[in-house]
Amino acid sequence: YQALQILWKEDGLASKQLAKRLGKEGLPITALVVELEKKHFILRKENPADARSACVFLTEKGKQARIPARTLDGQLLACLQHSGALQEADLYTLLRLLDKALISLRT
């Protein structure tokens, strides 16, 4: 989910740039990219600046996933903020950690 969030803001990143934005600089994110590609959220194209690497682009399905995800994030954020359980920054940290856990479970 975090990878999609990044691509919604910066579509067409090189794999290394995406890894850096995910906080996994120097670590391979191949498993994540392959999983998202299998689910038709992204596609890889040759990087015009470096033929040895690929750029990651959202598919139409990947772009459309933003609407339900944003709604869910907004609902969760509003609920937790209203209850006073978490501050906004803490909620985003929670979402990032949950995403990281899901990625770990999938690989």
PDB file of N, CA and C in Angstrom:
ATOM      1  N   TYR A   1       0.821  -1.197   0.000  1.00  0.00           N
ATOM      2  CA  TYR A   1       0.000   0.000   0.000  1.00  0.00           C
ATOM      3  C   TYR A   1       0.861   1.256   0.000  1.00  0.00           C
ATOM      4  N   GLN A   2       1.933   1.256   0.765  1.00  0.00           N
ATOM      5  CA  GLN A   2       2.803   2.431   0.825  1.00  0.00           C
ATOM      6  C   GLN A   2       3.439   2.702  -0.536  1.00  0.00           C
ATOM      7  N   ALA A   3       3.797   1.653  -1.252  1.00  0.00           N
ATOM      8  CA  ALA A   3       4.376   1.833  -2.587  1.00  0.00           C
ATOM      9  C   ALA A   3       3.368   2.508  -3.508  1.00  0.00           C
ATOM     10  N   LEU A   4       2.116   2.104  -3.424  1.00  0.00           N
ATOM     11  CA  LEU A   4       1.087   2.742  -4.244  1.00  0.00           C
ATOM     12  C   LEU A   4       0.921   4.205  -3.864  1.00  0.00           C
ATOM     13  N   GLN A   5       0.958   4.497  -2.575  1.00  0.00           N
ATOM     14  CA  GLN A   5       0.848   5.891  -2.135  1.00  0.00           C
ATOM     15  C   GLN A   5       1.945   6.741  -2.760  1.00  0.00           C
ATOM     16  N   ILE A   6       3.139   6.212  -2.799  1.00  0.00           N
ATOM     17  CA  ILE A   6       4.268   6.944  -3.375  1.00  0.00           C
ATOM     18  C   ILE A   6       4.054   7.136  -4.869  1.00  0.00           C
ATOM     19  N   LEU A   7       3.638   6.082  -5.553  1.00  0.00           N
ATOM     20  CA  LEU A   7       3.431   6.171  -7.000  1.00  0.00           C
ATOM     21  C   LEU A   7       2.250   7.065  -7.357  1.00  0.00           C
ATOM     22  N   TRP A   8       1.259   7.180  -6.481  1.00  0.00           N
ATOM     23  CA  TRP A   8       0.157   8.103  -6.745  1.00  0.00           C
ATOM     24  C   TRP A   8       0.674   9.536  -6.805  1.00  0.00           C
ATOM     25  N   LYS A   9       1.736   9.806  -6.073  1.00  0.00           N
ATOM     26  CA  LYS A   9       2.325  11.150  -6.068  1.00  0.00           C
ATOM     27  C   LYS A   9       3.403  11.301  -7.131  1.00  0.00           C
ATOM     28  N   GLU A  10       4.150  10.215  -7.400  1.00  0.00           N
ATOM     29  CA  GLU A  10       5.301  10.271  -8.309  1.00  0.00           C
ATOM     30  C   GLU A  10       5.322   9.039  -9.211  1.00  0.00           C
ATOM     31  N   ASP A  11       4.405   8.966 -10.133  1.00  0.00           N
ATOM     32  CA  ASP A  11       4.334   7.815 -11.035  1.00  0.00           C
ATOM     33  C   ASP A  11       5.563   7.778 -11.941  1.00  0.00           C
ATOM     34  N   GLY A  12       6.040   6.575 -12.241  1.00  0.00           N
ATOM     35  CA  GLY A  12       7.160   6.422 -13.155  1.00  0.00           C
ATOM     36  C   GLY A  12       8.528   6.461 -12.506  1.00  0.00           C
ATOM     37  N   LEU A  13       8.587   6.218 -11.212  1.00  0.00           N
ATOM     38  CA  LEU A  13       9.880   6.210 -10.521  1.00  0.00           C
ATOM     39  C   LEU A  13      10.709   5.001 -10.931  1.00  0.00           C
ATOM     40  N   ALA A  14      12.017   5.184 -10.943  1.00  0.00           N
ATOM     41  CA  ALA A  14      12.915   4.043 -11.109  1.00  0.00           C
ATOM     42  C   ALA A  14      12.798   3.184  -9.851  1.00  0.00           C
ATOM     43  N   SER A  15      13.036   1.892  -9.998  1.00  0.00           N
ATOM     44  CA  SER A  15      12.921   0.976  -8.856  1.00  0.00           C
ATOM     45  C   SER A  15      13.769   1.427  -7.673  1.00  0.00           C
ATOM     46  N   LYS A  16      14.984   1.908  -7.952  1.00  0.00           N
ATOM     47  CA  LYS A  16      15.861   2.368  -6.863  1.00  0.00           C
ATOM     48  C   LYS A  16      15.273   3.584  -6.159  1.00  0.00           C
ATOM     49  N   GLN A  17      14.646   4.476  -6.917  1.00  0.00           N
ATOM     50  CA  GLN A  17      14.015   5.652  -6.312  1.00  0.00           C
ATOM     51  C   GLN A  17      12.838   5.228  -5.436  1.00  0.00           C
ATOM     52  N   LEU A  18      12.066   4.272  -5.920  1.00  0.00           N
ATOM     53  CA  LEU A  18      10.938   3.772  -5.134  1.00  0.00           C
ATOM     54  C   LEU A  18      11.435   3.135  -3.840  1.00  0.00           C
ATOM     55  N   ALA A  19      12.498   2.347  -3.934  1.00  0.00           N
ATOM     56  CA  ALA A  19      13.083   1.724  -2.735  1.00  0.00           C
ATOM     57  C   ALA A  19      13.520   2.792  -1.736  1.00  0.00           C
ATOM     58  N   LYS A  20      14.130   3.845  -2.237  1.00  0.00           N
ATOM     59  CA  LYS A  20      14.584   4.931  -1.357  1.00  0.00           C
ATOM     60  C   LYS A  20      13.396   5.591  -0.664  1.00  0.00           C
ATOM     61  N   ARG A  21      12.323   5.865  -1.408  1.00  0.00           N
ATOM     62  CA  ARG A  21      11.138   6.501  -0.831  1.00  0.00           C
ATOM     63  C   ARG A  21      10.469   5.588   0.205  1.00  0.00           C
ATOM     64  N   LEU A  22      10.616   4.275   0.010  1.00  0.00           N
ATOM     65  CA  LEU A  22      10.044   3.312   0.959  1.00  0.00           C
ATOM     66  C   LEU A  22      10.931   3.107   2.181  1.00  0.00           C
ATOM     67  N   GLY A  23      12.100   3.746   2.188  1.00  0.00           N
ATOM     68  CA  GLY A  23      13.031   3.571   3.298  1.00  0.00           C
ATOM     69  C   GLY A  23      13.804   2.277   3.195  1.00  0.00           C
ATOM     70  N   LYS A  24      13.890   1.720   1.999  1.00  0.00           N
ATOM     71  CA  LYS A  24      14.592   0.454   1.781  1.00  0.00           C
ATOM     72  C   LYS A  24      15.767   0.662   0.832  1.00  0.00           C
ATOM     73  N   GLU A  25      16.391   1.810   0.928  1.00  0.00           N
ATOM     74  CA  GLU A  25      17.516   2.120   0.042  1.00  0.00           C
ATOM     75  C   GLU A  25      18.597   1.055   0.187  1.00  0.00           C
ATOM     76  N   GLY A  26      19.040   0.534  -0.932  1.00  0.00           N
ATOM     77  CA  GLY A  26      20.066  -0.499  -0.918  1.00  0.00           C
ATOM     78  C   GLY A  26      19.505  -1.899  -0.761  1.00  0.00           C
ATOM     79  N   LEU A  27      18.197  -2.001  -0.520  1.00  0.00           N
ATOM     80  CA  LEU A  27      17.555  -3.311  -0.382  1.00  0.00           C
ATOM     81  C   LEU A  27      16.721  -3.589  -1.627  1.00  0.00           C
ATOM     82  N   PRO A  28      16.704  -4.823  -2.056  1.00  0.00           N
ATOM     83  CA  PRO A  28      15.886  -5.130  -3.231  1.00  0.00           C
ATOM     84  C   PRO A  28      14.397  -5.080  -2.896  1.00  0.00           C
ATOM     85  N   ILE A  29      13.634  -4.499  -3.787  1.00  0.00           N
ATOM     86  CA  ILE A  29      12.181  -4.463  -3.608  1.00  0.00           C
ATOM     87  C   ILE A  29      11.507  -5.272  -4.710  1.00  0.00           C
ATOM     88  N   THR A  30      12.268  -6.160  -5.308  1.00  0.00           N
ATOM     89  CA  THR A  30      11.771  -6.952  -6.431  1.00  0.00           C
ATOM     90  C   THR A  30      10.504  -7.712  -6.068  1.00  0.00           C
ATOM     91  N   ALA A  31      10.474  -8.347  -4.894  1.00  0.00           N
ATOM     92  CA  ALA A  31       9.299  -9.132  -4.494  1.00  0.00           C
ATOM     93  C   ALA A  31       8.052  -8.252  -4.424  1.00  0.00           C
ATOM     94  N   LEU A  32       8.197  -7.061  -3.883  1.00  0.00           N
ATOM     95  CA  LEU A  32       7.075  -6.132  -3.792  1.00  0.00           C
ATOM     96  C   LEU A  32       6.601  -5.731  -5.182  1.00  0.00           C
ATOM     97  N   VAL A  33       7.541  -5.366  -6.046  1.00  0.00           N
ATOM     98  CA  VAL A  33       7.201  -4.933  -7.400  1.00  0.00           C
ATOM     99  C   VAL A  33       6.527  -6.074  -8.169  1.00  0.00           C
ATOM    100  N   VAL A  34       7.060  -7.272  -8.053  1.00  0.00           N
ATOM    101  CA  VAL A  34       6.472  -8.433  -8.735  1.00  0.00           C
ATOM    102  C   VAL A  34       5.049  -8.685  -8.228  1.00  0.00           C
ATOM    103  N   GLU A  35       4.848  -8.592  -6.923  1.00  0.00           N
ATOM    104  CA  GLU A  35       3.516  -8.812  -6.342  1.00  0.00           C
ATOM    105  C   GLU A  35       2.515  -7.779  -6.860  1.00  0.00           C
ATOM    106  N   LEU A  36       2.909  -6.514  -6.880  1.00  0.00           N
ATOM    107  CA  LEU A  36       2.018  -5.465  -7.379  1.00  0.00           C
ATOM    108  C   LEU A  36       1.758  -5.624  -8.873  1.00  0.00           C
ATOM    109  N   GLU A  37       2.758  -6.113  -9.592  1.00  0.00           N
ATOM    110  CA  GLU A  37       2.602  -6.340 -11.030  1.00  0.00           C
ATOM    111  C   GLU A  37       1.645  -7.517 -11.288  1.00  0.00           C
ATOM    112  N   LYS A  38       1.762  -8.579 -10.502  1.00  0.00           N
ATOM    113  CA  LYS A  38       0.861  -9.736 -10.638  1.00  0.00           C
ATOM    114  C   LYS A  38      -0.592  -9.338 -10.399  1.00  0.00           C
ATOM    115  N   LYS A  39      -0.782  -8.386  -9.497  1.00  0.00           N
ATOM    116  CA  LYS A  39      -2.134  -7.932  -9.172  1.00  0.00           C
ATOM    117  C   LYS A  39      -2.601  -6.820 -10.112  1.00  0.00           C
ATOM    118  N   HIS A  40      -1.774  -6.507 -11.103  1.00  0.00           N
ATOM    119  CA  HIS A  40      -2.095  -5.522 -12.150  1.00  0.00           C
ATOM    120  C   HIS A  40      -2.250  -4.093 -11.626  1.00  0.00           C
ATOM    121  N   PHE A  41      -1.545  -3.772 -10.532  1.00  0.00           N
ATOM    122  CA  PHE A  41      -1.545  -2.406 -10.026  1.00  0.00           C
ATOM    123  C   PHE A  41      -0.458  -1.568 -10.694  1.00  0.00           C
ATOM    124  N   ILE A  42       0.619  -2.211 -11.115  1.00  0.00           N
ATOM    125  CA  ILE A  42       1.740  -1.501 -11.729  1.00  0.00           C
ATOM    126  C   ILE A  42       2.238  -2.273 -12.944  1.00  0.00           C
ATOM    127  N   LEU A  43       3.078  -1.598 -13.725  1.00  0.00           N
ATOM    128  CA  LEU A  43       3.826  -2.267 -14.774  1.00  0.00           C
ATOM    129  C   LEU A  43       5.213  -1.651 -14.812  1.00  0.00           C
ATOM    130  N   ARG A  44       6.148  -2.459 -15.262  1.00  0.00           N
ATOM    131  CA  ARG A  44       7.535  -1.998 -15.353  1.00  0.00           C
ATOM    132  C   ARG A  44       7.879  -1.735 -16.809  1.00  0.00           C
ATOM    133  N   LYS A  45       8.622  -0.648 -17.011  1.00  0.00           N
ATOM    134  CA  LYS A  45       9.123  -0.303 -18.339  1.00  0.00           C
ATOM    135  C   LYS A  45      10.606   0.003 -18.206  1.00  0.00           C
ATOM    136  N   GLU A  46      11.323  -0.209 -19.295  1.00  0.00           N
ATOM    137  CA  GLU A  46      12.757   0.073 -19.288  1.00  0.00           C
ATOM    138  C   GLU A  46      12.996   1.541 -18.937  1.00  0.00           C
ATOM    139  N   ASN A  47      13.973   1.768 -18.087  1.00  0.00           N
ATOM    140  CA  ASN A  47      14.351   3.115 -17.681  1.00  0.00           C
ATOM    141  C   ASN A  47      15.131   3.759 -18.825  1.00  0.00           C
ATOM    142  N   PRO A  48      14.635   4.852 -19.404  1.00  0.00           N
ATOM    143  CA  PRO A  48      15.348   5.476 -20.521  1.00  0.00           C
ATOM    144  C   PRO A  48      16.710   6.048 -20.118  1.00  0.00           C
ATOM    145  N   ALA A  49      16.877   6.345 -18.841  1.00  0.00           N
ATOM    146  CA  ALA A  49      18.151   6.898 -18.363  1.00  0.00           C
ATOM    147  C   ALA A  49      19.168   5.809 -18.045  1.00  0.00           C
ATOM    148  N   ASP A  50      18.686   4.571 -17.826  1.00  0.00           N
ATOM    149  CA  ASP A  50      19.579   3.468 -17.456  1.00  0.00           C
ATOM    150  C   ASP A  50      18.904   2.153 -17.845  1.00  0.00           C
ATOM    151  N   ALA A  51      19.328   1.592 -18.953  1.00  0.00           N
ATOM    152  CA  ALA A  51      18.691   0.378 -19.481  1.00  0.00           C
ATOM    153  C   ALA A  51      18.811  -0.819 -18.540  1.00  0.00           C
ATOM    154  N   ARG A  52      19.693  -0.732 -17.539  1.00  0.00           N
ATOM    155  CA  ARG A  52      19.850  -1.838 -16.586  1.00  0.00           C
ATOM    156  C   ARG A  52      18.752  -1.862 -15.536  1.00  0.00           C
ATOM    157  N   SER A  53      17.974  -0.806 -15.456  1.00  0.00           N
ATOM    158  CA  SER A  53      16.922  -0.751 -14.439  1.00  0.00           C
ATOM    159  C   SER A  53      15.574  -0.472 -15.092  1.00  0.00           C
ATOM    160  N   ALA A  54      14.537  -0.567 -14.297  1.00  0.00           N
ATOM    161  CA  ALA A  54      13.177  -0.349 -14.789  1.00  0.00           C
ATOM    162  C   ALA A  54      12.522   0.792 -14.026  1.00  0.00           C
ATOM    163  N   CYS A  55      11.561   1.416 -14.683  1.00  0.00           N
ATOM    164  CA  CYS A  55      10.715   2.406 -14.024  1.00  0.00           C
ATOM    165  C   CYS A  55       9.371   1.739 -13.745  1.00  0.00           C
ATOM    166  N   VAL A  56       8.743   2.160 -12.673  1.00  0.00           N
ATOM    167  CA  VAL A  56       7.487   1.560 -12.225  1.00  0.00           C
ATOM    168  C   VAL A  56       6.357   2.559 -12.468  1.00  0.00           C
ATOM    169  N   PHE A  57       5.344   2.103 -13.194  1.00  0.00           N
ATOM    170  CA  PHE A  57       4.201   2.947 -13.537  1.00  0.00           C
ATOM    171  C   PHE A  57       2.913   2.312 -13.043  1.00  0.00           C
ATOM    172  N   LEU A  58       1.983   3.148 -12.632  1.00  0.00           N
ATOM    173  CA  LEU A  58       0.665   2.667 -12.232  1.00  0.00           C
ATOM    174  C   LEU A  58      -0.137   2.264 -13.463  1.00  0.00           C
ATOM    175  N   THR A  59      -0.874   1.182 -13.346  1.00  0.00           N
ATOM    176  CA  THR A  59      -1.844   0.820 -14.373  1.00  0.00           C
ATOM    177  C   THR A  59      -3.128   1.586 -14.063  1.00  0.00           C
ATOM    178  N   GLU A  60      -4.116   1.433 -14.913  1.00  0.00           N
ATOM    179  CA  GLU A  60      -5.407   2.068 -14.646  1.00  0.00           C
ATOM    180  C   GLU A  60      -5.985   1.542 -13.330  1.00  0.00           C
ATOM    181  N   LYS A  61      -5.834   0.242 -13.081  1.00  0.00           N
ATOM    182  CA  LYS A  61      -6.308  -0.353 -11.827  1.00  0.00           C
ATOM    183  C   LYS A  61      -5.577   0.261 -10.637  1.00  0.00           C
ATOM    184  N   GLY A  62      -4.276   0.473 -10.774  1.00  0.00           N
ATOM    185  CA  GLY A  62      -3.491   1.091  -9.711  1.00  0.00           C
ATOM    186  C   GLY A  62      -3.924   2.517  -9.431  1.00  0.00           C
ATOM    187  N   LYS A  63      -4.236   3.245 -10.496  1.00  0.00           N
ATOM    188  CA  LYS A  63      -4.705   4.630 -10.328  1.00  0.00           C
ATOM    189  C   LYS A  63      -6.072   4.659  -9.660  1.00  0.00           C
ATOM    190  N   GLN A  64      -6.942   3.733 -10.046  1.00  0.00           N
ATOM    191  CA  GLN A  64      -8.292   3.707  -9.484  1.00  0.00           C
ATOM    192  C   GLN A  64      -8.316   3.235  -8.035  1.00  0.00           C
ATOM    193  N   ALA A  65      -7.297   2.503  -7.608  1.00  0.00           N
ATOM    194  CA  ALA A  65      -7.236   2.034  -6.219  1.00  0.00           C
ATOM    195  C   ALA A  65      -7.075   3.190  -5.247  1.00  0.00           C
ATOM    196  N   ARG A  66      -6.664   4.335  -5.754  1.00  0.00           N
ATOM    197  CA  ARG A  66      -6.440   5.499  -4.889  1.00  0.00           C
ATOM    198  C   ARG A  66      -7.729   5.973  -4.229  1.00  0.00           C
ATOM    199  N   ILE A  67      -8.826   5.916  -4.931  1.00  0.00           N
ATOM    200  CA  ILE A  67     -10.089   6.434  -4.400  1.00  0.00           C
ATOM    201  C   ILE A  67     -10.545   5.645  -3.174  1.00  0.00           C
ATOM    202  N   PRO A  68     -10.673   4.300  -3.251  1.00  0.00           N
ATOM    203  CA  PRO A  68     -11.084   3.578  -2.035  1.00  0.00           C
ATOM    204  C   PRO A  68     -10.058   3.669  -0.915  1.00  0.00           C
ATOM    205  N   ALA A  69      -8.781   3.659  -1.274  1.00  0.00           N
ATOM    206  CA  ALA A  69      -7.740   3.745  -0.250  1.00  0.00           C
ATOM    207  C   ALA A  69      -7.810   5.084   0.458  1.00  0.00           C
ATOM    208  N   ARG A  70      -7.986   6.146  -0.296  1.00  0.00           N
ATOM    209  CA  ARG A  70      -8.074   7.473   0.301  1.00  0.00           C
ATOM    210  C   ARG A  70      -9.298   7.559   1.204  1.00  0.00           C
ATOM    211  N   THR A  71     -10.409   6.984   0.778  1.00  0.00           N
ATOM    212  CA  THR A  71     -11.629   6.993   1.583  1.00  0.00           C
ATOM    213  C   THR A  71     -11.410   6.243   2.888  1.00  0.00           C
ATOM    214  N   LEU A  72     -10.795   5.067   2.803  1.00  0.00           N
ATOM    215  CA  LEU A  72     -10.527   4.276   4.005  1.00  0.00           C
ATOM    216  C   LEU A  72      -9.579   5.013   4.937  1.00  0.00           C
ATOM    217  N   ASP A  73      -8.484   5.559   4.388  1.00  0.00           N
ATOM    218  CA  ASP A  73      -7.554   6.331   5.215  1.00  0.00           C
ATOM    219  C   ASP A  73      -8.272   7.490   5.882  1.00  0.00           C
ATOM    220  N   GLY A  74      -9.092   8.186   5.115  1.00  0.00           N
ATOM    221  CA  GLY A  74      -9.811   9.336   5.653  1.00  0.00           C
ATOM    222  C   GLY A  74     -10.773   8.949   6.753  1.00  0.00           C
ATOM    223  N   GLN A  75     -11.483   7.843   6.559  1.00  0.00           N
ATOM    224  CA  GLN A  75     -12.431   7.379   7.572  1.00  0.00           C
ATOM    225  C   GLN A  75     -11.713   6.951   8.841  1.00  0.00           C
ATOM    226  N   LEU A  76     -10.633   6.201   8.673  1.00  0.00           N
ATOM    227  CA  LEU A  76      -9.856   5.753   9.826  1.00  0.00           C
ATOM    228  C   LEU A  76      -9.244   6.945  10.550  1.00  0.00           C
ATOM    229  N   LEU A  77      -8.678   7.861   9.783  1.00  0.00           N
ATOM    230  CA  LEU A  77      -8.078   9.060  10.362  1.00  0.00           C
ATOM    231  C   LEU A  77      -9.120   9.859  11.144  1.00  0.00           C
ATOM    232  N   ALA A  78     -10.278  10.083  10.540  1.00  0.00           N
ATOM    233  CA  ALA A  78     -11.328  10.861  11.203  1.00  0.00           C
ATOM    234  C   ALA A  78     -11.796  10.178  12.485  1.00  0.00           C
ATOM    235  N   CYS A  79     -11.980   8.875  12.424  1.00  0.00           N
ATOM    236  CA  CYS A  79     -12.441   8.119  13.594  1.00  0.00           C
ATOM    237  C   CYS A  79     -11.429   8.194  14.735  1.00  0.00           C
ATOM    238  N   LEU A  80     -10.170   7.949  14.423  1.00  0.00           N
ATOM    239  CA  LEU A  80      -9.143   7.962  15.467  1.00  0.00           C
ATOM    240  C   LEU A  80      -8.875   9.370  15.992  1.00  0.00           C
ATOM    241  N   GLN A  81      -8.931  10.362  15.117  1.00  0.00           N
ATOM    242  CA  GLN A  81      -8.738  11.736  15.582  1.00  0.00           C
ATOM    243  C   GLN A  81      -9.904  12.170  16.461  1.00  0.00           C
ATOM    244  N   HIS A  82     -11.110  11.820  16.049  1.00  0.00           N
ATOM    245  CA  HIS A  82     -12.295  12.202  16.814  1.00  0.00           C
ATOM    246  C   HIS A  82     -12.274  11.566  18.203  1.00  0.00           C
ATOM    247  N   SER A  83     -11.808  10.328  18.268  1.00  0.00           N
ATOM    248  CA  SER A  83     -11.758   9.632  19.558  1.00  0.00           C
ATOM    249  C   SER A  83     -10.601  10.127  20.421  1.00  0.00           C
ATOM    250  N   GLY A  84      -9.642  10.807  19.786  1.00  0.00           N
ATOM    251  CA  GLY A  84      -8.465  11.268  20.520  1.00  0.00           C
ATOM    252  C   GLY A  84      -7.446  10.172  20.749  1.00  0.00           C
ATOM    253  N   ALA A  85      -7.667   9.011  20.129  1.00  0.00           N
ATOM    254  CA  ALA A  85      -6.779   7.868  20.339  1.00  0.00           C
ATOM    255  C   ALA A  85      -5.392   8.098  19.748  1.00  0.00           C
ATOM    256  N   LEU A  86      -5.333   8.719  18.583  1.00  0.00           N
ATOM    257  CA  LEU A  86      -4.042   8.945  17.920  1.00  0.00           C
ATOM    258  C   LEU A  86      -4.008  10.310  17.255  1.00  0.00           C
ATOM    259  N   GLN A  87      -2.847  10.898  17.264  1.00  0.00           N
ATOM    260  CA  GLN A  87      -2.628  12.121  16.505  1.00  0.00           C
ATOM    261  C   GLN A  87      -2.435  11.731  15.044  1.00  0.00           C
ATOM    262  N   GLU A  88      -2.593  12.681  14.139  1.00  0.00           N
ATOM    263  CA  GLU A  88      -2.480  12.394  12.706  1.00  0.00           C
ATOM    264  C   GLU A  88      -1.126  11.780  12.346  1.00  0.00           C
ATOM    265  N   ALA A  89      -0.047  12.326  12.873  1.00  0.00           N
ATOM    266  CA  ALA A  89       1.294  11.797  12.565  1.00  0.00           C
ATOM    267  C   ALA A  89       1.431  10.356  13.046  1.00  0.00           C
ATOM    268  N   ASP A  90       0.852  10.058  14.213  1.00  0.00           N
ATOM    269  CA  ASP A  90       0.905   8.691  14.742  1.00  0.00           C
ATOM    270  C   ASP A  90       0.112   7.725  13.865  1.00  0.00           C
ATOM    271  N   LEU A  91      -1.015   8.200  13.340  1.00  0.00           N
ATOM    272  CA  LEU A  91      -1.816   7.349  12.467  1.00  0.00           C
ATOM    273  C   LEU A  91      -1.040   7.000  11.200  1.00  0.00           C
ATOM    274  N   TYR A  92      -0.372   7.976  10.614  1.00  0.00           N
ATOM    275  CA  TYR A  92       0.404   7.696   9.402  1.00  0.00           C
ATOM    276  C   TYR A  92       1.561   6.744   9.705  1.00  0.00           C
ATOM    277  N   THR A  93       2.135   6.863  10.884  1.00  0.00           N
ATOM    278  CA  THR A  93       3.176   5.913  11.290  1.00  0.00           C
ATOM    279  C   THR A  93       2.582   4.515  11.408  1.00  0.00           C
ATOM    280  N   LEU A  94       1.401   4.423  12.006  1.00  0.00           N
ATOM    281  CA  LEU A  94       0.716   3.140  12.132  1.00  0.00           C
ATOM    282  C   LEU A  94       0.436   2.531  10.760  1.00  0.00           C
ATOM    283  N   LEU A  95      -0.088   3.327   9.834  1.00  0.00           N
ATOM    284  CA  LEU A  95      -0.375   2.831   8.490  1.00  0.00           C
ATOM    285  C   LEU A  95       0.900   2.346   7.800  1.00  0.00           C
ATOM    286  N   ARG A  96       1.990   3.083   7.970  1.00  0.00           N
ATOM    287  CA  ARG A  96       3.269   2.700   7.358  1.00  0.00           C
ATOM    288  C   ARG A  96       3.756   1.370   7.930  1.00  0.00           C
ATOM    289  N   LEU A  97       3.642   1.209   9.257  1.00  0.00           N
ATOM    290  CA  LEU A  97       4.090  -0.029   9.898  1.00  0.00           C
ATOM    291  C   LEU A  97       3.210  -1.224   9.516  1.00  0.00           C
ATOM    292  N   LEU A  98       1.908  -0.998   9.418  1.00  0.00           N
ATOM    293  CA  LEU A  98       1.018  -2.078   8.984  1.00  0.00           C
ATOM    294  C   LEU A  98       1.337  -2.503   7.555  1.00  0.00           C
ATOM    295  N   ASP A  99       1.617  -1.526   6.700  1.00  0.00           N
ATOM    296  CA  ASP A  99       1.995  -1.825   5.325  1.00  0.00           C
ATOM    297  C   ASP A  99       3.279  -2.645   5.293  1.00  0.00           C
ATOM    298  N   LYS A 100       4.232  -2.257   6.110  1.00  0.00           N
ATOM    299  CA  LYS A 100       5.510  -2.978   6.179  1.00  0.00           C
ATOM    300  C   LYS A 100       5.284  -4.422   6.643  1.00  0.00           C
ATOM    301  N   ALA A 101       4.415  -4.603   7.630  1.00  0.00           N
ATOM    302  CA  ALA A 101       4.119  -5.948   8.126  1.00  0.00           C
ATOM    303  C   ALA A 101       3.450  -6.796   7.041  1.00  0.00           C
ATOM    304  N   LEU A 102       2.521  -6.205   6.300  1.00  0.00           N
ATOM    305  CA  LEU A 102       1.855  -6.937   5.223  1.00  0.00           C
ATOM    306  C   LEU A 102       2.840  -7.358   4.142  1.00  0.00           C
ATOM    307  N   ILE A 103       3.754  -6.468   3.799  1.00  0.00           N
ATOM    308  CA  ILE A 103       4.773  -6.791   2.796  1.00  0.00           C
ATOM    309  C   ILE A 103       5.628  -7.946   3.287  1.00  0.00           C
ATOM    310  N   SER A 104       6.008  -7.918   4.558  1.00  0.00           N
ATOM    311  CA  SER A 104       6.828  -8.993   5.126  1.00  0.00           C
ATOM    312  C   SER A 104       6.098 -10.332   5.095  1.00  0.00           C
ATOM    313  N   LEU A 105       4.809 -10.304   5.352  1.00  0.00           N
ATOM    314  CA  LEU A 105       4.027 -11.542   5.340  1.00  0.00           C
ATOM    315  C   LEU A 105       3.886 -12.117   3.937  1.00  0.00           C
ATOM    316  N   ARG A 106       3.883 -11.253   2.937  1.00  0.00           N
ATOM    317  CA  ARG A 106       3.712 -11.699   1.551  1.00  0.00           C
ATOM    318  C   ARG A 106       4.985 -12.258   0.948  1.00  0.00           C
ATOM    319  N   THR A 107       6.136 -11.875   1.502  1.00  0.00           N
ATOM    320  CA  THR A 107       7.397 -12.304   0.884  1.00  0.00           C
ATOM    321  C   THR A 107       7.969 -13.511   1.576  1.00  0.00           C
TER     322      THR A 107
END
